[in-house]
Amino acid sequence: MTVHHEGKGRIVKRLVEITMQVEVQTDDSKFTDQFMEEFRADFFPFHDMNDHAKHIAQLAAREVAEFSVHVPTEFVEGYGPIGEMGISVESVSMEMEVLATRAAEEGGAA
Protein backbone atom coordinates (compact mmCIF):
# COMPACT_ATOMS: atom_id res chain seq x y z
CA MET A 1 0.00 0.00 0.00
CA THR A 2 1.77 3.13 -1.17
CA VAL A 3 0.82 6.63 -2.17
CA HIS A 4 2.76 8.23 -4.97
CA HIS A 5 3.62 11.87 -4.36
CA GLU A 6 5.05 13.82 -7.25
CA GLY A 7 8.72 14.25 -6.53
CA LYS A 8 8.40 12.74 -3.05
CA GLY A 9 8.65 9.01 -3.76
CA ARG A 10 6.53 6.40 -2.00
CA ILE A 11 5.47 7.32 1.55
CA VAL A 12 4.70 4.25 3.68
CA LYS A 13 4.05 3.91 7.40
CA ARG A 14 4.96 0.73 9.24
CA LEU A 15 3.95 -0.19 12.76
CA VAL A 16 6.89 -2.08 14.27
CA GLU A 17 6.78 -3.94 17.57
CA ILE A 18 10.07 -4.33 19.42
CA THR A 19 10.32 -6.68 22.38
CA MET A 20 13.50 -6.62 24.41
CA GLN A 21 14.53 -8.43 27.55
CA VAL A 22 17.31 -7.03 29.71
CA GLU A 23 18.84 -8.25 32.94
CA VAL A 24 19.28 -5.44 35.47
CA GLN A 25 21.80 -5.79 38.28
CA THR A 26 21.83 -3.39 41.25
CA ASP A 27 23.51 -3.24 44.64
CA ASP A 28 20.30 -2.87 46.62
CA SER A 29 22.22 -1.79 49.73
CA LYS A 30 23.01 1.49 47.90
CA PHE A 31 19.30 2.25 47.51
CA THR A 32 18.90 3.43 51.08
CA ASP A 33 15.77 5.00 52.53
CA GLN A 34 17.43 8.41 52.13
CA PHE A 35 18.29 7.72 48.48
CA MET A 36 14.73 6.53 47.78
CA GLU A 37 13.21 9.63 49.40
CA GLU A 38 15.49 11.99 47.46
CA PHE A 39 14.84 10.13 44.20
CA ARG A 40 11.07 10.38 44.74
CA ALA A 41 11.37 14.10 45.53
CA ASP A 42 13.50 14.89 42.47
CA PHE A 43 12.52 12.34 39.82
CA PHE A 44 9.81 9.66 39.98
CA PRO A 45 7.55 8.21 42.71
CA PHE A 46 9.38 4.88 42.93
CA HIS A 47 8.80 2.95 46.13
CA ASP A 48 10.64 -0.31 45.53
CA MET A 49 13.53 -1.82 43.61
CA ASN A 50 11.26 -3.26 40.93
CA ASP A 51 10.33 0.32 39.97
CA HIS A 52 14.02 1.19 39.65
CA ALA A 53 14.80 -2.00 37.72
CA LYS A 54 12.02 -1.26 35.20
CA HIS A 55 13.19 2.35 34.84
CA ILE A 56 16.82 1.34 34.35
CA ALA A 57 15.79 -1.34 31.84
CA GLN A 58 13.79 1.09 29.70
CA LEU A 59 16.65 3.63 29.75
CA ALA A 60 19.00 0.91 28.54
CA ALA A 61 16.53 -0.39 25.93
CA ARG A 62 16.13 3.12 24.51
CA GLU A 63 19.93 3.54 24.68
CA VAL A 64 19.58 6.64 26.84
CA ALA A 65 22.43 5.17 28.89
CA GLU A 66 24.78 2.25 28.37
CA PHE A 67 24.82 0.82 31.92
CA SER A 68 27.89 -1.28 31.14
CA VAL A 69 30.09 -2.88 33.81
CA HIS A 70 32.91 -1.80 31.49
CA VAL A 71 32.06 1.89 32.04
CA PRO A 72 31.47 2.13 35.83
CA THR A 73 32.03 5.91 35.78
CA GLU A 74 29.09 6.52 33.44
CA PHE A 75 26.84 9.13 35.08
CA VAL A 76 23.10 8.55 34.87
CA GLU A 77 20.76 11.27 36.07
CA GLY A 78 19.20 10.26 39.37
CA TYR A 79 21.70 7.49 40.05
CA GLY A 80 25.10 9.13 39.65
CA PRO A 81 28.06 7.00 38.54
CA ILE A 82 26.54 3.58 37.89
CA GLY A 83 29.51 1.70 39.33
CA GLU A 84 28.95 3.30 42.72
CA MET A 85 25.33 2.04 42.70
CA GLY A 86 26.30 -1.41 41.46
CA ILE A 87 24.15 -0.93 38.36
CA SER A 88 24.71 -2.85 35.16
CA VAL A 89 22.42 -4.06 32.39
CA GLU A 90 22.83 -6.92 29.97
CA SER A 91 20.68 -7.36 26.89
CA VAL A 92 19.23 -10.87 26.89
CA SER A 93 17.11 -10.84 23.73
CA MET A 94 15.43 -8.60 21.17
CA GLU A 95 12.71 -9.38 18.66
CA MET A 96 11.27 -7.07 16.02
CA GLU A 97 8.19 -7.55 13.86
CA VAL A 98 6.38 -5.34 11.38
CA LEU A 99 2.74 -5.51 12.49
CA ALA A 100 1.12 -3.31 9.85
CA THR A 101 1.95 -1.41 6.69
CA ARG A 102 -0.17 1.35 5.24
CA ALA A 103 0.09 4.25 2.88
CA ALA A 104 0.65 7.62 4.45
CA GLU A 105 -2.16 10.13 4.00
CA GLU A 106 -1.86 12.47 1.06
CA GLY A 107 0.29 15.40 2.14
CA GLY A 108 1.09 13.80 5.51
CA ALA A 109 4.48 12.86 6.82
CA ALA A 110 5.42 9.21 7.24
C-alpha atoms as a PDB file:
ATOM      1  CA  MET A   1       0.000   0.000   0.000  1.00  0.00           C
ATOM      2  CA  THR A   2       1.768   3.129  -1.169  1.00  0.00           C
ATOM      3  CA  VAL A   3       0.821   6.626  -2.169  1.00  0.00           C
ATOM      4  CA  HIS A   4       2.763   8.230  -4.966  1.00  0.00           C
ATOM      5  CA  HIS A   5       3.624  11.870  -4.364  1.00  0.00           C
ATOM      6  CA  GLU A   6       5.048  13.819  -7.248  1.00  0.00           C
ATOM      7  CA  GLY A   7       8.723  14.253  -6.525  1.00  0.00           C
ATOM      8  CA  LYS A   8       8.398  12.737  -3.053  1.00  0.00           C
ATOM      9  CA  GLY A   9       8.648   9.009  -3.761  1.00  0.00           C
ATOM     10  CA  ARG A  10       6.527   6.404  -1.996  1.00  0.00           C
ATOM     11  CA  ILE A  11       5.474   7.315   1.546  1.00  0.00           C
ATOM     12  CA  VAL A  12       4.701   4.249   3.677  1.00  0.00           C
ATOM     13  CA  LYS A  13       4.047   3.912   7.398  1.00  0.00           C
ATOM     14  CA  ARG A  14       4.958   0.733   9.240  1.00  0.00           C
ATOM     15  CA  LEU A  15       3.950  -0.191  12.761  1.00  0.00           C
ATOM     16  CA  VAL A  16       6.890  -2.078  14.272  1.00  0.00           C
ATOM     17  CA  GLU A  17       6.781  -3.941  17.570  1.00  0.00           C
ATOM     18  CA  ILE A  18      10.071  -4.329  19.422  1.00  0.00           C
ATOM     19  CA  THR A  19      10.318  -6.685  22.378  1.00  0.00           C
ATOM     20  CA  MET A  20      13.502  -6.621  24.412  1.00  0.00           C
ATOM     21  CA  GLN A  21      14.533  -8.428  27.548  1.00  0.00           C
ATOM     22  CA  VAL A  22      17.310  -7.028  29.710  1.00  0.00           C
ATOM     23  CA  GLU A  23      18.838  -8.245  32.939  1.00  0.00           C
ATOM     24  CA  VAL A  24      19.278  -5.443  35.472  1.00  0.00           C
ATOM     25  CA  GLN A  25      21.798  -5.788  38.282  1.00  0.00           C
ATOM     26  CA  THR A  26      21.826  -3.386  41.251  1.00  0.00           C
ATOM     27  CA  ASP A  27      23.511  -3.238  44.641  1.00  0.00           C
ATOM     28  CA  ASP A  28      20.298  -2.873  46.619  1.00  0.00           C
ATOM     29  CA  SER A  29      22.225  -1.786  49.726  1.00  0.00           C
ATOM     30  CA  LYS A  30      23.011   1.488  47.897  1.00  0.00           C
ATOM     31  CA  PHE A  31      19.300   2.254  47.505  1.00  0.00           C
ATOM     32  CA  THR A  32      18.903   3.429  51.076  1.00  0.00           C
ATOM     33  CA  ASP A  33      15.772   5.003  52.533  1.00  0.00           C
ATOM     34  CA  GLN A  34      17.426   8.411  52.130  1.00  0.00           C
ATOM     35  CA  PHE A  35      18.292   7.717  48.479  1.00  0.00           C
ATOM     36  CA  MET A  36      14.735   6.526  47.778  1.00  0.00           C
ATOM     37  CA  GLU A  37      13.207   9.634  49.402  1.00  0.00           C
ATOM     38  CA  GLU A  38      15.494  11.990  47.457  1.00  0.00           C
ATOM     39  CA  PHE A  39      14.844  10.131  44.201  1.00  0.00           C
ATOM     40  CA  ARG A  40      11.073  10.380  44.738  1.00  0.00           C
ATOM     41  CA  ALA A  41      11.365  14.095  45.531  1.00  0.00           C
ATOM     42  CA  ASP A  42      13.498  14.893  42.470  1.00  0.00           C
ATOM     43  CA  PHE A  43      12.525  12.339  39.824  1.00  0.00           C
ATOM     44  CA  PHE A  44       9.810   9.660  39.983  1.00  0.00           C
ATOM     45  CA  PRO A  45       7.552   8.215  42.709  1.00  0.00           C
ATOM     46  CA  PHE A  46       9.377   4.878  42.934  1.00  0.00           C
ATOM     47  CA  HIS A  47       8.798   2.951  46.135  1.00  0.00           C
ATOM     48  CA  ASP A  48      10.643  -0.312  45.526  1.00  0.00           C
ATOM     49  CA  MET A  49      13.525  -1.824  43.612  1.00  0.00           C
ATOM     50  CA  ASN A  50      11.255  -3.259  40.928  1.00  0.00           C
ATOM     51  CA  ASP A  51      10.326   0.316  39.966  1.00  0.00           C
ATOM     52  CA  HIS A  52      14.017   1.190  39.651  1.00  0.00           C
ATOM     53  CA  ALA A  53      14.801  -2.001  37.716  1.00  0.00           C
ATOM     54  CA  LYS A  54      12.024  -1.261  35.196  1.00  0.00           C
ATOM     55  CA  HIS A  55      13.187   2.351  34.839  1.00  0.00           C
ATOM     56  CA  ILE A  56      16.823   1.344  34.350  1.00  0.00           C
ATOM     57  CA  ALA A  57      15.787  -1.337  31.845  1.00  0.00           C
ATOM     58  CA  GLN A  58      13.792   1.088  29.700  1.00  0.00           C
ATOM     59  CA  LEU A  59      16.646   3.631  29.754  1.00  0.00           C
ATOM     60  CA  ALA A  60      19.000   0.906  28.543  1.00  0.00           C
ATOM     61  CA  ALA A  61      16.533  -0.385  25.931  1.00  0.00           C
ATOM     62  CA  ARG A  62      16.127   3.124  24.515  1.00  0.00           C
ATOM     63  CA  GLU A  63      19.926   3.544  24.675  1.00  0.00           C
ATOM     64  CA  VAL A  64      19.584   6.645  26.842  1.00  0.00           C
ATOM     65  CA  ALA A  65      22.427   5.166  28.888  1.00  0.00           C
ATOM     66  CA  GLU A  66      24.782   2.246  28.365  1.00  0.00           C
ATOM     67  CA  PHE A  67      24.824   0.821  31.925  1.00  0.00           C
ATOM     68  CA  SER A  68      27.889  -1.280  31.145  1.00  0.00           C
ATOM     69  CA  VAL A  69      30.085  -2.878  33.811  1.00  0.00           C
ATOM     70  CA  HIS A  70      32.906  -1.797  31.494  1.00  0.00           C
ATOM     71  CA  VAL A  71      32.055   1.887  32.042  1.00  0.00           C
ATOM     72  CA  PRO A  72      31.474   2.135  35.831  1.00  0.00           C
ATOM     73  CA  THR A  73      32.027   5.909  35.783  1.00  0.00           C
ATOM     74  CA  GLU A  74      29.088   6.518  33.442  1.00  0.00           C
ATOM     75  CA  PHE A  75      26.844   9.126  35.078  1.00  0.00           C
ATOM     76  CA  VAL A  76      23.102   8.547  34.865  1.00  0.00           C
ATOM     77  CA  GLU A  77      20.756  11.274  36.075  1.00  0.00           C
ATOM     78  CA  GLY A  78      19.204  10.259  39.369  1.00  0.00           C
ATOM     79  CA  TYR A  79      21.701   7.488  40.046  1.00  0.00           C
ATOM     80  CA  GLY A  80      25.101   9.133  39.649  1.00  0.00           C
ATOM     81  CA  PRO A  81      28.059   6.998  38.538  1.00  0.00           C
ATOM     82  CA  ILE A  82      26.541   3.577  37.886  1.00  0.00           C
ATOM     83  CA  GLY A  83      29.510   1.698  39.328  1.00  0.00           C
ATOM     84  CA  GLU A  84      28.949   3.302  42.719  1.00  0.00           C
ATOM     85  CA  MET A  85      25.330   2.044  42.695  1.00  0.00           C
ATOM     86  CA  GLY A  86      26.299  -1.415  41.456  1.00  0.00           C
ATOM     87  CA  ILE A  87      24.153  -0.927  38.362  1.00  0.00           C
ATOM     88  CA  SER A  88      24.707  -2.846  35.159  1.00  0.00           C
ATOM     89  CA  VAL A  89      22.422  -4.062  32.390  1.00  0.00           C
ATOM     90  CA  GLU A  90      22.828  -6.919  29.974  1.00  0.00           C
ATOM     91  CA  SER A  91      20.677  -7.358  26.888  1.00  0.00           C
ATOM     92  CA  VAL A  92      19.227 -10.874  26.894  1.00  0.00           C
ATOM     93  CA  SER A  93      17.111 -10.841  23.729  1.00  0.00           C
ATOM     94  CA  MET A  94      15.431  -8.602  21.173  1.00  0.00           C
ATOM     95  CA  GLU A  95      12.710  -9.383  18.657  1.00  0.00           C
ATOM     96  CA  MET A  96      11.274  -7.074  16.016  1.00  0.00           C
ATOM     97  CA  GLU A  97       8.195  -7.546  13.861  1.00  0.00           C
ATOM     98  CA  VAL A  98       6.377  -5.344  11.377  1.00  0.00           C
ATOM     99  CA  LEU A  99       2.740  -5.507  12.492  1.00  0.00           C
ATOM    100  CA  ALA A 100       1.125  -3.309   9.852  1.00  0.00           C
ATOM    101  CA  THR A 101       1.953  -1.413   6.694  1.00  0.00           C
ATOM    102  CA  ARG A 102      -0.167   1.354   5.245  1.00  0.00           C
ATOM    103  CA  ALA A 103       0.091   4.246   2.881  1.00  0.00           C
ATOM    104  CA  ALA A 104       0.645   7.623   4.449  1.00  0.00           C
ATOM    105  CA  GLU A 105      -2.164  10.133   4.002  1.00  0.00           C
ATOM    106  CA  GLU A 106      -1.861  12.467   1.065  1.00  0.00           C
ATOM    107  CA  GLY A 107       0.294  15.398   2.137  1.00  0.00           C
ATOM    108  CA  GLY A 108       1.088  13.805   5.507  1.00  0.00           C
ATOM    109  CA  ALA A 109       4.479  12.858   6.817  1.00  0.00           C
ATOM    110  CA  ALA A 110       5.420   9.206   7.244  1.00  0.00           C
END
